[in-house]
Amino acid sequence: MATELLCLHSPFSLYRNPLPRVIQANPLPRVIQANPLTLKVRCSVSTENVSLAETETRRSANYEPSSWDHDYLLSSENEEAIEIYKDKGQKLEAEVRSMISNEKAEFLTLLELIDTVQRLGLGYRFEIDIRKALDRFVSSEGFDAVTTTSLYATGLSFRLLRQHGFEVSQDVFNSFKDQNGNFMENLKEDIKAMLSLYEASFLALEGETILDEAKLFTIAHLKDLNEEKIGKDLAEQVNHALELPLHRRTQRLEAVWSIEAYRNKEDANQLLLQLAILDYNMVQAIYQRDLRETSRSVQGQNKQINSTQIN
């Protein structure tokens, strides 16, 4: 958690059995930036030779000095805030844990809760609880019921299970194909289901053609949506997902967007929202504390170097 780099300004107000390895998507190739070059190209047109020299120059970015100097960091010191966040967080965490551990909850409701918890950046707090809940899900008859009646639920359960290391066959999506082997056209009318299938497709393993087809199918239809017909909130979710799928986003940075989006939902669970905001602010305070300690160390080394004399 603490190794992720993000903006240190907190945008939120507080009042407003070891786990298996998570299956990761193939990493994107590293882009190698070439140094600015002077290119000379000689072209032959008819019987005449033309010399062309093109020089690429680096543009000035005009970066402003950072406001995070040593004095500013020291002025933001507040160790009491971290302890306050921890105390309040423990109480809220216990209540959320009981929600995840509720064996009487419907499985779709449970899956949606787990998804929300993870999107809000709280997954690390409930790793064991989430694993146990998913174990209950796959060992019950609810798994077959959820993955055969609803594309939305099938995509959601597939993604969560693969994220947590469960072996789930891509064949669960075959029931949503027509006799020609193509995804049914009427599926595109259910935007939530299309988003669910889209996000699930990015957990494909090499050679899983059904998921490759699902990705192409969902992208084509999601890009062709009329935003005025589906509503602002859903349109924002679609655009956000198309920009970069959830599986490839940095969790802590994604939490910022998710908290703001969740805050605007009419049926938002206020308990979850409070814990998410509190957790985010607590982590920010820890980052700021670590940065202050680093700054003090650097300042101390600089003073030592400046005071050193060689005779």
C-alpha atoms as a PDB file:
ATOM      1  CA  MET A   1       0.000   0.000   0.000  1.00  0.00           C
ATOM      2  CA  ALA A   2       2.631   2.489   1.093  1.00  0.00           C
ATOM      3  CA  THR A   3       4.789   1.903  -1.955  1.00  0.00           C
ATOM      4  CA  GLU A   4       2.340   3.472  -4.371  1.00  0.00           C
ATOM      5  CA  LEU A   5       3.035   7.057  -5.445  1.00  0.00           C
ATOM      6  CA  LEU A   6       0.213   9.568  -5.595  1.00  0.00           C
ATOM      7  CA  CYS A   7      -0.735  13.162  -4.981  1.00  0.00           C
ATOM      8  CA  LEU A   8      -0.203  14.036  -1.330  1.00  0.00           C
ATOM      9  CA  HIS A   9      -3.009  16.559  -1.101  1.00  0.00           C
ATOM     10  CA  SER A  10      -6.094  14.881   0.353  1.00  0.00           C
ATOM     11  CA  PRO A  11      -9.242  15.864  -1.596  1.00  0.00           C
ATOM     12  CA  PHE A  12     -11.659  14.422   0.948  1.00  0.00           C
ATOM     13  CA  SER A  13     -13.179  15.649   4.168  1.00  0.00           C
ATOM     14  CA  LEU A  14     -13.748  13.089   6.896  1.00  0.00           C
ATOM     15  CA  TYR A  15     -17.255  14.339   7.457  1.00  0.00           C
ATOM     16  CA  ARG A  16     -18.532  14.739   3.988  1.00  0.00           C
ATOM     17  CA  ASN A  17      -4.331 -19.242   5.339  1.00  0.00           C
ATOM     18  CA  PRO A  18      -2.155 -17.110   3.038  1.00  0.00           C
ATOM     19  CA  LEU A  19      -3.891 -15.731   0.005  1.00  0.00           C
ATOM     20  CA  PRO A  20      -3.129 -17.202  -3.424  1.00  0.00           C
ATOM     21  CA  ARG A  21      -1.238 -15.149  -5.964  1.00  0.00           C
ATOM     22  CA  VAL A  22      -3.568 -12.897  -7.924  1.00  0.00           C
ATOM     23  CA  ILE A  23      -3.546 -13.603 -11.634  1.00  0.00           C
ATOM     24  CA  GLN A  24      -2.034 -10.604 -13.374  1.00  0.00           C
ATOM     25  CA  ALA A  25      -2.615  -9.546 -16.944  1.00  0.00           C
ATOM     26  CA  ASN A  26       0.377  -9.559 -19.257  1.00  0.00           C
ATOM     27  CA  PRO A  27       2.336  -6.346 -18.582  1.00  0.00           C
ATOM     28  CA  LEU A  28       2.469  -3.781 -21.303  1.00  0.00           C
ATOM     29  CA  PRO A  29       5.845  -3.467 -23.043  1.00  0.00           C
ATOM     30  CA  ARG A  30       8.052  -0.693 -21.715  1.00  0.00           C
ATOM     31  CA  VAL A  31       8.189   2.271 -24.022  1.00  0.00           C
ATOM     32  CA  ILE A  32      11.720   3.383 -24.738  1.00  0.00           C
ATOM     33  CA  GLN A  33      12.039   7.082 -25.372  1.00  0.00           C
ATOM     34  CA  ALA A  34      14.632   7.969 -27.955  1.00  0.00           C
ATOM     35  CA  ASN A  35      16.882  10.971 -27.507  1.00  0.00           C
ATOM     36  CA  PRO A  36      16.221  13.939 -29.800  1.00  0.00           C
ATOM     37  CA  LEU A  37      17.998  13.275 -33.081  1.00  0.00           C
ATOM     38  CA  THR A  38      19.015  15.249 -36.127  1.00  0.00           C
ATOM     39  CA  LEU A  39      17.765  13.272 -39.100  1.00  0.00           C
ATOM     40  CA  LYS A  40      19.156  13.568 -42.597  1.00  0.00           C
ATOM     41  CA  VAL A  41      17.076  11.983 -45.317  1.00  0.00           C
ATOM     42  CA  ARG A  42      18.118  11.686 -48.960  1.00  0.00           C
ATOM     43  CA  CYS A  43      15.268  11.073 -51.376  1.00  0.00           C
ATOM     44  CA  SER A  44      15.410  10.295 -55.058  1.00  0.00           C
ATOM     45  CA  VAL A  45      12.716  11.845 -57.245  1.00  0.00           C
ATOM     46  CA  SER A  46      13.003  11.214 -60.953  1.00  0.00           C
ATOM     47  CA  THR A  47      16.586  12.133 -61.870  1.00  0.00           C
ATOM     48  CA  GLU A  48      17.006  14.853 -59.256  1.00  0.00           C
ATOM     49  CA  ASN A  49      18.415  14.383 -55.777  1.00  0.00           C
ATOM     50  CA  VAL A  50      16.883  16.403 -52.964  1.00  0.00           C
ATOM     51  CA  SER A  51      18.487  16.746 -49.528  1.00  0.00           C
ATOM     52  CA  LEU A  52      16.212  17.228 -46.549  1.00  0.00           C
ATOM     53  CA  ALA A  53      17.405  17.878 -43.021  1.00  0.00           C
ATOM     54  CA  GLU A  54      14.893  17.930 -40.211  1.00  0.00           C
ATOM     55  CA  THR A  55      15.856  18.843 -36.703  1.00  0.00           C
ATOM     56  CA  GLU A  56      13.705  17.821 -33.743  1.00  0.00           C
ATOM     57  CA  THR A  57      14.031  20.207 -30.818  1.00  0.00           C
ATOM     58  CA  ARG A  58      12.925  19.609 -27.258  1.00  0.00           C
ATOM     59  CA  ARG A  59      10.177  21.949 -26.124  1.00  0.00           C
ATOM     60  CA  SER A  60      10.553  23.792 -22.865  1.00  0.00           C
ATOM     61  CA  ALA A  61       8.022  22.541 -20.319  1.00  0.00           C
ATOM     62  CA  ASN A  62       8.441  25.584 -18.050  1.00  0.00           C
ATOM     63  CA  TYR A  63       7.956  23.547 -14.892  1.00  0.00           C
ATOM     64  CA  GLU A  64       7.233  25.613 -11.805  1.00  0.00           C
ATOM     65  CA  PRO A  65       9.226  24.940  -8.608  1.00  0.00           C
ATOM     66  CA  SER A  66       7.489  22.522  -6.263  1.00  0.00           C
ATOM     67  CA  SER A  67       5.641  24.035  -3.315  1.00  0.00           C
ATOM     68  CA  TRP A  68       6.620  21.006  -1.232  1.00  0.00           C
ATOM     69  CA  ASP A  69       9.781  22.518   0.265  1.00  0.00           C
ATOM     70  CA  HIS A  70      11.172  21.524   3.664  1.00  0.00           C
ATOM     71  CA  ASP A  71       9.409  24.295   5.600  1.00  0.00           C
ATOM     72  CA  TYR A  72       6.047  23.486   4.027  1.00  0.00           C
ATOM     73  CA  LEU A  73       6.388  19.816   4.923  1.00  0.00           C
ATOM     74  CA  LEU A  74       7.165  20.643   8.544  1.00  0.00           C
ATOM     75  CA  SER A  75       4.175  22.986   8.755  1.00  0.00           C
ATOM     76  CA  SER A  76       1.815  20.132   7.816  1.00  0.00           C
ATOM     77  CA  GLU A  77       3.019  17.868  10.623  1.00  0.00           C
ATOM     78  CA  ASN A  78       0.124  16.369  12.585  1.00  0.00           C
ATOM     79  CA  GLU A  79       0.858  12.993  14.179  1.00  0.00           C
ATOM     80  CA  GLU A  80      -2.396  13.082  16.162  1.00  0.00           C
ATOM     81  CA  ALA A  81      -4.422  12.876  12.943  1.00  0.00           C
ATOM     82  CA  ILE A  82      -3.030   9.435  12.112  1.00  0.00           C
ATOM     83  CA  GLU A  83      -4.012   8.036  15.509  1.00  0.00           C
ATOM     84  CA  ILE A  84      -7.493   9.570  15.267  1.00  0.00           C
ATOM     85  CA  TYR A  85      -7.967   8.029  11.834  1.00  0.00           C
ATOM     86  CA  LYS A  86      -6.835   4.643  13.141  1.00  0.00           C
ATOM     87  CA  ASP A  87      -9.207   4.676  16.120  1.00  0.00           C
ATOM     88  CA  LYS A  88     -12.251   5.643  14.066  1.00  0.00           C
ATOM     89  CA  GLY A  89     -11.232   3.300  11.275  1.00  0.00           C
ATOM     90  CA  GLN A  90     -11.137   0.258  13.538  1.00  0.00           C
ATOM     91  CA  LYS A  91     -14.762   0.747  14.578  1.00  0.00           C
ATOM     92  CA  LEU A  92     -15.997   1.190  11.018  1.00  0.00           C
ATOM     93  CA  GLU A  93     -13.835  -1.685   9.815  1.00  0.00           C
ATOM     94  CA  ALA A  94     -15.467  -4.065  12.282  1.00  0.00           C
ATOM     95  CA  GLU A  95     -18.915  -3.195  10.945  1.00  0.00           C
ATOM     96  CA  VAL A  96     -17.883  -3.684   7.312  1.00  0.00           C
ATOM     97  CA  ARG A  97     -16.225  -6.990   8.212  1.00  0.00           C
ATOM     98  CA  SER A  98     -19.502  -8.251   9.640  1.00  0.00           C
ATOM     99  CA  MET A  99     -21.239  -7.319   6.383  1.00  0.00           C
ATOM    100  CA  ILE A 100     -18.747  -9.331   4.317  1.00  0.00           C
ATOM    101  CA  SER A 101     -18.974 -12.283   6.722  1.00  0.00           C
ATOM    102  CA  ASN A 102     -22.785 -12.364   6.677  1.00  0.00           C
ATOM    103  CA  GLU A 103     -23.600 -15.898   5.482  1.00  0.00           C
ATOM    104  CA  LYS A 104     -27.276 -15.020   5.025  1.00  0.00           C
ATOM    105  CA  ALA A 105     -26.604 -12.335   2.423  1.00  0.00           C
ATOM    106  CA  GLU A 106     -27.554 -13.044  -1.184  1.00  0.00           C
ATOM    107  CA  PHE A 107     -24.525 -13.934  -3.258  1.00  0.00           C
ATOM    108  CA  LEU A 108     -24.985 -11.173  -5.830  1.00  0.00           C
ATOM    109  CA  THR A 109     -25.290  -8.623  -3.017  1.00  0.00           C
ATOM    110  CA  LEU A 110     -22.119 -10.043  -1.479  1.00  0.00           C
ATOM    111  CA  LEU A 111     -20.211  -9.864  -4.776  1.00  0.00           C
ATOM    112  CA  GLU A 112     -21.260  -6.253  -5.295  1.00  0.00           C
ATOM    113  CA  LEU A 113     -20.148  -5.418  -1.749  1.00  0.00           C
ATOM    114  CA  ILE A 114     -16.721  -6.977  -2.331  1.00  0.00           C
ATOM    115  CA  ASP A 115     -16.357  -5.103  -5.620  1.00  0.00           C
ATOM    116  CA  THR A 116     -17.272  -1.796  -3.979  1.00  0.00           C
ATOM    117  CA  VAL A 117     -14.886  -2.392  -1.077  1.00  0.00           C
ATOM    118  CA  GLN A 118     -12.024  -3.033  -3.487  1.00  0.00           C
ATOM    119  CA  ARG A 119     -12.826  -0.081  -5.745  1.00  0.00           C
ATOM    120  CA  LEU A 120     -12.855   2.259  -2.734  1.00  0.00           C
ATOM    121  CA  GLY A 121      -9.306   1.188  -1.868  1.00  0.00           C
ATOM    122  CA  LEU A 122     -10.317  -0.867   1.181  1.00  0.00           C
ATOM    123  CA  GLY A 123      -9.523  -4.334  -0.136  1.00  0.00           C
ATOM    124  CA  TYR A 124      -6.241  -4.625   1.773  1.00  0.00           C
ATOM    125  CA  ARG A 125      -8.150  -4.325   5.061  1.00  0.00           C
ATOM    126  CA  PHE A 126     -10.399  -7.312   4.313  1.00  0.00           C
ATOM    127  CA  GLU A 127      -8.259  -9.734   2.289  1.00  0.00           C
ATOM    128  CA  ILE A 128      -8.925 -12.750   4.523  1.00  0.00           C
ATOM    129  CA  ASP A 129     -12.633 -11.945   4.882  1.00  0.00           C
ATOM    130  CA  ILE A 130     -13.048 -11.564   1.124  1.00  0.00           C
ATOM    131  CA  ARG A 131     -11.257 -14.847   0.501  1.00  0.00           C
ATOM    132  CA  LYS A 132     -13.535 -16.682   2.924  1.00  0.00           C
ATOM    133  CA  ALA A 133     -16.633 -15.124   1.354  1.00  0.00           C
ATOM    134  CA  LEU A 134     -15.534 -16.179  -2.131  1.00  0.00           C
ATOM    135  CA  ASP A 135     -14.799 -19.693  -0.842  1.00  0.00           C
ATOM    136  CA  ARG A 136     -18.402 -19.892   0.368  1.00  0.00           C
ATOM    137  CA  PHE A 137     -19.621 -18.636  -2.972  1.00  0.00           C
ATOM    138  CA  VAL A 138     -17.805 -21.189  -5.159  1.00  0.00           C
ATOM    139  CA  SER A 139     -18.629 -24.107  -2.856  1.00  0.00           C
ATOM    140  CA  SER A 140     -22.372 -23.466  -2.943  1.00  0.00           C
ATOM    141  CA  GLU A 141     -25.122 -23.873  -5.514  1.00  0.00           C
ATOM    142  CA  GLY A 142     -25.250 -20.106  -5.754  1.00  0.00           C
ATOM    143  CA  PHE A 143     -22.282 -20.111  -8.135  1.00  0.00           C
ATOM    144  CA  ASP A 144     -24.173 -22.007 -10.844  1.00  0.00           C
ATOM    145  CA  ALA A 145     -27.285 -19.905 -10.313  1.00  0.00           C
ATOM    146  CA  VAL A 146     -25.429 -16.597 -10.577  1.00  0.00           C
ATOM    147  CA  THR A 147     -23.326 -17.559 -13.600  1.00  0.00           C
ATOM    148  CA  THR A 148     -26.156 -18.822 -15.813  1.00  0.00           C
ATOM    149  CA  THR A 149     -28.959 -16.297 -15.466  1.00  0.00           C
ATOM    150  CA  SER A 150     -27.301 -12.870 -15.598  1.00  0.00           C
ATOM    151  CA  LEU A 151     -24.420 -11.618 -17.744  1.00  0.00           C
ATOM    152  CA  TYR A 152     -23.805  -8.822 -15.241  1.00  0.00           C
ATOM    153  CA  ALA A 153     -23.458 -11.280 -12.342  1.00  0.00           C
ATOM    154  CA  THR A 154     -21.419 -13.724 -14.429  1.00  0.00           C
ATOM    155  CA  GLY A 155     -18.917 -11.059 -15.451  1.00  0.00           C
ATOM    156  CA  LEU A 156     -18.655  -9.718 -11.905  1.00  0.00           C
ATOM    157  CA  SER A 157     -18.140 -13.135 -10.291  1.00  0.00           C
ATOM    158  CA  PHE A 158     -15.667 -14.206 -13.001  1.00  0.00           C
ATOM    159  CA  ARG A 159     -13.545 -11.079 -12.500  1.00  0.00           C
ATOM    160  CA  LEU A 160     -13.515 -11.233  -8.702  1.00  0.00           C
ATOM    161  CA  LEU A 161     -12.710 -14.948  -8.608  1.00  0.00           C
ATOM    162  CA  ARG A 162      -9.843 -14.641 -11.060  1.00  0.00           C
ATOM    163  CA  GLN A 163      -8.483 -11.613  -9.229  1.00  0.00           C
ATOM    164  CA  HIS A 164      -8.262 -13.751  -6.103  1.00  0.00           C
ATOM    165  CA  GLY A 165      -6.624 -16.739  -7.768  1.00  0.00           C
ATOM    166  CA  PHE A 166      -9.597 -19.033  -8.351  1.00  0.00           C
ATOM    167  CA  GLU A 167      -9.659 -21.149 -11.496  1.00  0.00           C
ATOM    168  CA  VAL A 168     -12.730 -20.165 -13.493  1.00  0.00           C
ATOM    169  CA  SER A 169     -13.353 -21.360 -17.037  1.00  0.00           C
ATOM    170  CA  GLN A 170     -14.128 -18.875 -19.780  1.00  0.00           C
ATOM    171  CA  ASP A 171     -16.879 -21.275 -20.835  1.00  0.00           C
ATOM    172  CA  VAL A 172     -19.237 -19.634 -18.318  1.00  0.00           C
ATOM    173  CA  PHE A 173     -19.893 -17.027 -21.025  1.00  0.00           C
ATOM    174  CA  ASN A 174     -21.012 -19.560 -23.643  1.00  0.00           C
ATOM    175  CA  SER A 175     -24.595 -19.377 -22.397  1.00  0.00           C
ATOM    176  CA  PHE A 176     -24.718 -15.783 -23.666  1.00  0.00           C
ATOM    177  CA  LYS A 177     -23.867 -16.722 -27.257  1.00  0.00           C
ATOM    178  CA  ASP A 178     -26.234 -17.490 -30.119  1.00  0.00           C
ATOM    179  CA  GLN A 179     -26.287 -20.594 -32.315  1.00  0.00           C
ATOM    180  CA  ASN A 180     -23.639 -19.055 -34.570  1.00  0.00           C
ATOM    181  CA  GLY A 181     -21.194 -18.680 -31.703  1.00  0.00           C
ATOM    182  CA  ASN A 182     -21.515 -14.898 -31.443  1.00  0.00           C
ATOM    183  CA  PHE A 183     -22.522 -12.901 -28.393  1.00  0.00           C
ATOM    184  CA  MET A 184     -26.248 -12.170 -28.514  1.00  0.00           C
ATOM    185  CA  GLU A 185     -27.057  -8.755 -29.937  1.00  0.00           C
ATOM    186  CA  ASN A 186     -29.709  -8.038 -27.316  1.00  0.00           C
ATOM    187  CA  LEU A 187     -26.997  -7.996 -24.638  1.00  0.00           C
ATOM    188  CA  LYS A 188     -25.925  -4.532 -25.761  1.00  0.00           C
ATOM    189  CA  GLU A 189     -29.136  -3.092 -24.310  1.00  0.00           C
ATOM    190  CA  ASP A 190     -27.922  -3.849 -20.759  1.00  0.00           C
ATOM    191  CA  ILE A 191     -25.102  -1.352 -20.191  1.00  0.00           C
ATOM    192  CA  LYS A 192     -24.206  -2.645 -16.712  1.00  0.00           C
ATOM    193  CA  ALA A 193     -23.876  -6.160 -18.117  1.00  0.00           C
ATOM    194  CA  MET A 194     -21.700  -4.926 -20.983  1.00  0.00           C
ATOM    195  CA  LEU A 195     -19.431  -3.081 -18.559  1.00  0.00           C
ATOM    196  CA  SER A 196     -19.197  -6.190 -16.395  1.00  0.00           C
ATOM    197  CA  LEU A 197     -18.231  -8.365 -19.378  1.00  0.00           C
ATOM    198  CA  TYR A 198     -15.768  -5.719 -20.591  1.00  0.00           C
ATOM    199  CA  GLU A 199     -13.930  -5.584 -17.250  1.00  0.00           C
ATOM    200  CA  ALA A 200     -13.915  -9.397 -17.002  1.00  0.00           C
ATOM    201  CA  SER A 201     -12.368  -9.772 -20.453  1.00  0.00           C
ATOM    202  CA  PHE A 202      -9.128  -8.143 -19.279  1.00  0.00           C
ATOM    203  CA  LEU A 203      -8.406 -11.078 -16.982  1.00  0.00           C
ATOM    204  CA  ALA A 204      -8.051 -13.401 -19.965  1.00  0.00           C
ATOM    205  CA  LEU A 205      -5.192 -15.847 -20.154  1.00  0.00           C
ATOM    206  CA  GLU A 206      -3.284 -16.500 -23.354  1.00  0.00           C
ATOM    207  CA  GLY A 207      -5.381 -18.381 -25.886  1.00  0.00           C
ATOM    208  CA  GLU A 208      -8.774 -17.677 -24.290  1.00  0.00           C
ATOM    209  CA  THR A 209     -10.585 -16.687 -27.457  1.00  0.00           C
ATOM    210  CA  ILE A 210     -14.013 -16.315 -25.841  1.00  0.00           C
ATOM    211  CA  LEU A 211     -12.710 -13.481 -23.676  1.00  0.00           C
ATOM    212  CA  ASP A 212     -10.912 -11.928 -26.648  1.00  0.00           C
ATOM    213  CA  GLU A 213     -14.222 -11.928 -28.522  1.00  0.00           C
ATOM    214  CA  ALA A 214     -15.958 -10.475 -25.470  1.00  0.00           C
ATOM    215  CA  LYS A 215     -13.491  -7.610 -25.351  1.00  0.00           C
ATOM    216  CA  LEU A 216     -14.017  -6.697 -29.006  1.00  0.00           C
ATOM    217  CA  PHE A 217     -17.788  -7.068 -28.682  1.00  0.00           C
ATOM    218  CA  THR A 218     -18.113  -4.837 -25.620  1.00  0.00           C
ATOM    219  CA  ILE A 219     -15.679  -2.152 -26.779  1.00  0.00           C
ATOM    220  CA  ALA A 220     -17.492  -1.798 -30.098  1.00  0.00           C
ATOM    221  CA  HIS A 221     -20.885  -1.311 -28.461  1.00  0.00           C
ATOM    222  CA  LEU A 222     -19.768   0.764 -25.462  1.00  0.00           C
ATOM    223  CA  LYS A 223     -18.026   3.258 -27.745  1.00  0.00           C
ATOM    224  CA  ASP A 224     -21.201   3.607 -29.789  1.00  0.00           C
ATOM    225  CA  LEU A 225     -23.463   4.570 -26.882  1.00  0.00           C
ATOM    226  CA  ASN A 226     -25.624   7.672 -26.826  1.00  0.00           C
ATOM    227  CA  GLU A 227     -24.660   9.373 -23.560  1.00  0.00           C
ATOM    228  CA  GLU A 228     -27.901  11.349 -23.403  1.00  0.00           C
ATOM    229  CA  LYS A 229     -29.955   8.146 -23.338  1.00  0.00           C
ATOM    230  CA  ILE A 230     -28.025   6.285 -20.645  1.00  0.00           C
ATOM    231  CA  GLY A 231     -27.608   9.145 -18.165  1.00  0.00           C
ATOM    232  CA  LYS A 232     -24.634  11.147 -16.925  1.00  0.00           C
ATOM    233  CA  ASP A 233     -23.485   8.814 -14.129  1.00  0.00           C
ATOM    234  CA  LEU A 234     -23.507   5.668 -16.247  1.00  0.00           C
ATOM    235  CA  ALA A 235     -21.872   7.520 -19.139  1.00  0.00           C
ATOM    236  CA  GLU A 236     -19.035   8.583 -16.823  1.00  0.00           C
ATOM    237  CA  GLN A 237     -18.537   4.969 -15.736  1.00  0.00           C
ATOM    238  CA  VAL A 238     -18.378   3.823 -19.356  1.00  0.00           C
ATOM    239  CA  ASN A 239     -15.905   6.536 -20.387  1.00  0.00           C
ATOM    240  CA  HIS A 240     -13.755   5.864 -17.336  1.00  0.00           C
ATOM    241  CA  ALA A 241     -13.644   2.138 -18.075  1.00  0.00           C
ATOM    242  CA  LEU A 242     -12.867   2.619 -21.765  1.00  0.00           C
ATOM    243  CA  GLU A 243     -10.042   4.996 -20.894  1.00  0.00           C
ATOM    244  CA  LEU A 244      -8.350   2.254 -18.873  1.00  0.00           C
ATOM    245  CA  PRO A 245      -9.845  -1.002 -17.528  1.00  0.00           C
ATOM    246  CA  LEU A 246     -10.040  -1.497 -13.785  1.00  0.00           C
ATOM    247  CA  HIS A 247      -7.544  -4.371 -13.792  1.00  0.00           C
ATOM    248  CA  ARG A 248      -4.796  -2.084 -15.127  1.00  0.00           C
ATOM    249  CA  ARG A 249      -5.339   0.858 -12.804  1.00  0.00           C
ATOM    250  CA  THR A 250      -3.315   1.745  -9.724  1.00  0.00           C
ATOM    251  CA  GLN A 251      -5.578   0.884  -6.821  1.00  0.00           C
ATOM    252  CA  ARG A 252      -4.844   3.847  -4.578  1.00  0.00           C
ATOM    253  CA  LEU A 253      -5.272   6.347  -7.403  1.00  0.00           C
ATOM    254  CA  GLU A 254      -8.444   4.612  -8.570  1.00  0.00           C
ATOM    255  CA  ALA A 255      -9.861   5.034  -5.067  1.00  0.00           C
ATOM    256  CA  VAL A 256      -9.952   8.818  -5.551  1.00  0.00           C
ATOM    257  CA  TRP A 257     -12.230   8.543  -8.580  1.00  0.00           C
ATOM    258  CA  SER A 258     -14.317   5.764  -7.046  1.00  0.00           C
ATOM    259  CA  ILE A 259     -14.949   7.649  -3.796  1.00  0.00           C
ATOM    260  CA  GLU A 260     -16.233  10.695  -5.659  1.00  0.00           C
ATOM    261  CA  ALA A 261     -18.407   8.537  -7.926  1.00  0.00           C
ATOM    262  CA  TYR A 262     -19.744   6.521  -4.986  1.00  0.00           C
ATOM    263  CA  ARG A 263     -20.494   9.682  -3.016  1.00  0.00           C
ATOM    264  CA  ASN A 264     -22.948  10.722  -5.744  1.00  0.00           C
ATOM    265  CA  LYS A 265     -24.880   7.445  -5.728  1.00  0.00           C
ATOM    266  CA  GLU A 266     -28.326   7.665  -4.166  1.00  0.00           C
ATOM    267  CA  ASP A 267     -28.054   4.173  -2.665  1.00  0.00           C
ATOM    268  CA  ALA A 268     -24.485   4.593  -1.396  1.00  0.00           C
ATOM    269  CA  ASN A 269     -23.718   2.799   1.863  1.00  0.00           C
ATOM    270  CA  GLN A 270     -22.682   5.665   4.140  1.00  0.00           C
ATOM    271  CA  LEU A 271     -20.715   3.313   6.381  1.00  0.00           C
ATOM    272  CA  LEU A 272     -18.529   2.252   3.461  1.00  0.00           C
ATOM    273  CA  LEU A 273     -18.172   5.836   2.274  1.00  0.00           C
ATOM    274  CA  GLN A 274     -17.051   7.077   5.705  1.00  0.00           C
ATOM    275  CA  LEU A 275     -14.480   4.308   6.010  1.00  0.00           C
ATOM    276  CA  ALA A 276     -13.172   4.923   2.481  1.00  0.00           C
ATOM    277  CA  ILE A 277     -12.690   8.655   3.097  1.00  0.00           C
ATOM    278  CA  LEU A 278     -11.126   8.062   6.501  1.00  0.00           C
ATOM    279  CA  ASP A 279      -8.798   5.378   5.135  1.00  0.00           C
ATOM    280  CA  TYR A 280      -7.714   7.568   2.231  1.00  0.00           C
ATOM    281  CA  ASN A 281      -6.949  10.523   4.492  1.00  0.00           C
ATOM    282  CA  MET A 282      -5.073   8.264   6.920  1.00  0.00           C
ATOM    283  CA  VAL A 283      -2.881   6.890   4.143  1.00  0.00           C
ATOM    284  CA  GLN A 284      -2.251  10.435   2.898  1.00  0.00           C
ATOM    285  CA  ALA A 285      -1.160  11.465   6.394  1.00  0.00           C
ATOM    286  CA  ILE A 286       1.242   8.510   6.511  1.00  0.00           C
ATOM    287  CA  TYR A 287       2.693   9.470   3.117  1.00  0.00           C
ATOM    288  CA  GLN A 288       3.191  13.038   4.330  1.00  0.00           C
ATOM    289  CA  ARG A 289       4.879  11.807   7.511  1.00  0.00           C
ATOM    290  CA  ASP A 290       7.259   9.618   5.491  1.00  0.00           C
ATOM    291  CA  LEU A 291       8.049  12.539   3.204  1.00  0.00           C
ATOM    292  CA  ARG A 292       8.815  14.789   6.191  1.00  0.00           C
ATOM    293  CA  GLU A 293      11.206  12.192   7.595  1.00  0.00           C
ATOM    294  CA  THR A 294      12.922  11.888   4.230  1.00  0.00           C
ATOM    295  CA  SER A 295      13.198  15.668   3.948  1.00  0.00           C
ATOM    296  CA  ARG A 296      14.721  15.916   7.438  1.00  0.00           C
ATOM    297  CA  SER A 297      17.262  13.267   6.513  1.00  0.00           C
ATOM    298  CA  VAL A 298      18.231  15.081   3.311  1.00  0.00           C
ATOM    299  CA  GLN A 299      18.478  18.426   5.110  1.00  0.00           C
ATOM    300  CA  GLY A 300      20.730  16.868   7.741  1.00  0.00           C
ATOM    301  CA  GLN A 301      23.016  15.369   5.120  1.00  0.00           C
ATOM    302  CA  ASN A 302      23.239  18.680   3.256  1.00  0.00           C
ATOM    303  CA  LYS A 303      24.241  20.533   6.445  1.00  0.00           C
ATOM    304  CA  GLN A 304      26.882  17.929   7.175  1.00  0.00           C
ATOM    305  CA  ILE A 305      28.312  18.235   3.661  1.00  0.00           C
ATOM    306  CA  ASN A 306      28.336  22.049   3.775  1.00  0.00           C
ATOM    307  CA  SER A 307      30.101  22.107   7.146  1.00  0.00           C
ATOM    308  CA  THR A 308      32.810  19.655   6.119  1.00  0.00           C
ATOM    309  CA  GLN A 309      36.236  21.230   5.612  1.00  0.00           C
ATOM    310  CA  ILE A 310      39.260  19.689   3.937  1.00  0.00           C
ATOM    311  CA  ASN A 311      42.602  20.958   5.203  1.00  0.00           C
END
